[in-house]
Amino acid sequence: MLLNTINIGCVHQVKGEIKRAEEIHLGSLELSQRIHDLGSEMEIRRNLGEEYSILGKYKESLEQYEGSLKIAQDINDPRMTAYVKVGLGSLKCQVGENTEGQHLLEQALSEAKAVGDPEVILA
């Protein structure tokens, strides 16, 4: 059920219905935390990071990306670590922190190559 809600939020995001996607993902985040589903929480926070970035809410975006990255690292998920670093690095560049953003993007590329995941490289 939680995976379906995450996917529904992503559909709204792709359709440009960012506020609706945010509502769905916030509800999913609350549920994932209540049932201690770290994998879902990690993915939801990454999605919220994207949504807040689109909405120009950079502080909130940063908080969500950093939360997602911490979980990815804590559960030792190198694929998601790289994927989140792409979003976080892009956000850093978007707000003018180009050196840090570039560093994160280079790390993501290196980590994606290490796990052999071309999807991360193209994200």
Protein backbone atom coordinates (compact mmCIF):
# COMPACT_ATOMS: atom_id res chain seq x y z
CA MET A 1 0.00 0.00 0.00
CA LEU A 2 2.74 2.51 0.93
CA LEU A 3 4.57 1.87 -2.35
CA ASN A 4 1.36 2.58 -4.27
CA THR A 5 0.92 5.91 -2.48
CA ILE A 6 4.51 6.89 -3.22
CA ASN A 7 3.94 6.04 -6.90
CA ILE A 8 0.69 8.04 -7.00
CA GLY A 9 2.58 11.03 -5.64
CA CYS A 10 5.20 10.59 -8.35
CA VAL A 11 2.49 10.50 -11.04
CA HIS A 12 1.18 13.85 -9.80
CA GLN A 13 4.74 15.20 -9.79
CA VAL A 14 5.29 14.16 -13.41
CA LYS A 15 1.96 15.74 -14.38
CA GLY A 16 3.15 19.01 -12.86
CA GLU A 17 0.71 18.79 -9.94
CA ILE A 18 3.46 19.48 -7.42
CA LYS A 19 1.26 20.60 -4.53
CA ARG A 20 -0.85 17.43 -4.82
CA ALA A 21 2.29 15.30 -5.00
CA GLU A 22 3.60 17.06 -1.89
CA GLU A 23 0.35 16.34 0.00
CA ILE A 24 0.49 12.66 -0.91
CA HIS A 25 4.17 12.33 -0.06
CA LEU A 26 3.75 14.12 3.29
CA GLY A 27 1.00 11.65 4.21
CA SER A 28 3.19 8.76 3.08
CA LEU A 29 6.13 10.14 5.06
CA GLU A 30 4.07 10.18 8.23
CA LEU A 31 2.98 6.58 7.66
CA SER A 32 6.50 5.37 6.81
CA GLN A 33 7.82 6.89 10.02
CA ARG A 34 4.99 5.40 12.07
CA ILE A 35 5.71 1.88 10.78
CA HIS A 36 9.50 2.38 10.77
CA ASP A 37 9.89 1.73 7.02
CA LEU A 38 13.25 3.38 6.37
CA GLY A 39 13.39 2.42 2.70
CA SER A 40 10.09 4.13 1.98
CA GLU A 41 10.97 7.12 4.14
CA MET A 42 14.22 7.51 2.21
CA GLU A 43 12.42 7.49 -1.15
CA ILE A 44 9.65 9.81 0.03
CA ARG A 45 12.15 12.33 1.37
CA ARG A 46 13.98 12.28 -1.96
CA ASN A 47 10.70 12.92 -3.78
CA LEU A 48 9.86 15.76 -1.41
CA GLY A 49 13.31 17.22 -2.00
CA GLU A 50 12.53 17.36 -5.73
CA GLU A 51 9.09 18.86 -5.13
CA TYR A 52 10.32 21.55 -2.76
CA SER A 53 13.08 22.44 -5.19
CA ILE A 54 10.52 22.89 -7.99
CA LEU A 55 8.42 25.06 -5.67
CA GLY A 56 11.45 27.21 -4.79
CA LYS A 57 11.41 26.02 -1.16
CA TYR A 58 15.15 25.44 -1.04
CA LYS A 59 15.53 25.14 2.72
CA GLU A 60 12.83 22.45 2.87
CA SER A 61 14.32 20.75 -0.17
CA LEU A 62 17.74 20.64 1.46
CA GLU A 63 16.29 19.19 4.67
CA GLN A 64 14.52 16.41 2.76
CA TYR A 65 17.50 15.54 0.59
CA GLU A 66 19.81 15.47 3.62
CA GLY A 67 17.35 13.26 5.50
CA SER A 68 17.12 10.90 2.55
CA LEU A 69 20.91 10.80 2.16
CA LYS A 70 21.41 10.02 5.85
CA ILE A 71 19.01 7.09 5.66
CA ALA A 72 20.61 5.80 2.42
CA GLN A 73 24.02 5.88 4.09
CA ASP A 74 22.74 4.40 7.37
CA ILE A 75 21.16 1.41 5.63
CA ASN A 76 24.15 1.10 3.28
CA ASP A 77 22.26 1.60 0.02
CA PRO A 78 24.93 2.79 -2.45
CA ARG A 79 22.48 3.13 -5.35
CA MET A 80 20.17 5.46 -3.45
CA THR A 81 23.12 7.29 -1.91
CA ALA A 82 24.27 8.15 -5.43
CA TYR A 83 20.76 8.97 -6.61
CA VAL A 84 20.11 11.34 -3.70
CA LYS A 85 23.48 13.02 -4.24
CA VAL A 86 22.39 13.85 -7.80
CA GLY A 87 19.37 15.74 -6.46
CA LEU A 88 21.29 17.33 -3.61
CA GLY A 89 24.16 18.34 -5.89
CA SER A 90 21.75 19.86 -8.39
CA LEU A 91 20.03 21.78 -5.61
CA LYS A 92 23.35 23.11 -4.33
CA CYS A 93 24.20 24.37 -7.82
CA GLN A 94 20.73 25.87 -8.15
CA VAL A 95 21.26 27.99 -5.02
CA GLY A 96 24.75 29.08 -6.05
CA GLU A 97 26.80 26.61 -4.01
CA ASN A 98 28.48 25.39 -7.18
CA THR A 99 31.67 23.93 -5.70
CA GLU A 100 29.79 21.77 -3.20
CA GLY A 101 27.18 20.88 -5.82
CA GLN A 102 29.80 19.81 -8.32
CA HIS A 103 31.56 17.74 -5.66
CA LEU A 104 28.31 15.91 -4.83
CA LEU A 105 27.58 15.29 -8.51
CA GLU A 106 31.08 13.90 -9.07
CA GLN A 107 30.64 11.63 -6.05
CA ALA A 108 27.29 10.46 -7.41
CA LEU A 109 28.81 9.67 -10.79
CA SER A 110 31.66 7.72 -9.22
CA GLU A 111 29.32 5.81 -6.92
CA ALA A 112 26.87 5.07 -9.75
CA LYS A 113 29.68 3.66 -11.87
CA ALA A 114 30.83 1.54 -8.92
CA VAL A 115 27.39 -0.06 -8.57
CA GLY A 116 26.89 -0.21 -12.35
CA ASP A 117 23.67 1.78 -12.38
CA PRO A 118 23.28 3.87 -15.55
CA GLU A 119 19.90 5.18 -14.34
CA VAL A 120 21.62 7.13 -11.59
CA ILE A 121 24.10 8.57 -14.06
CA LEU A 122 21.28 9.83 -16.25
CA ALA A 123 19.15 11.19 -13.38
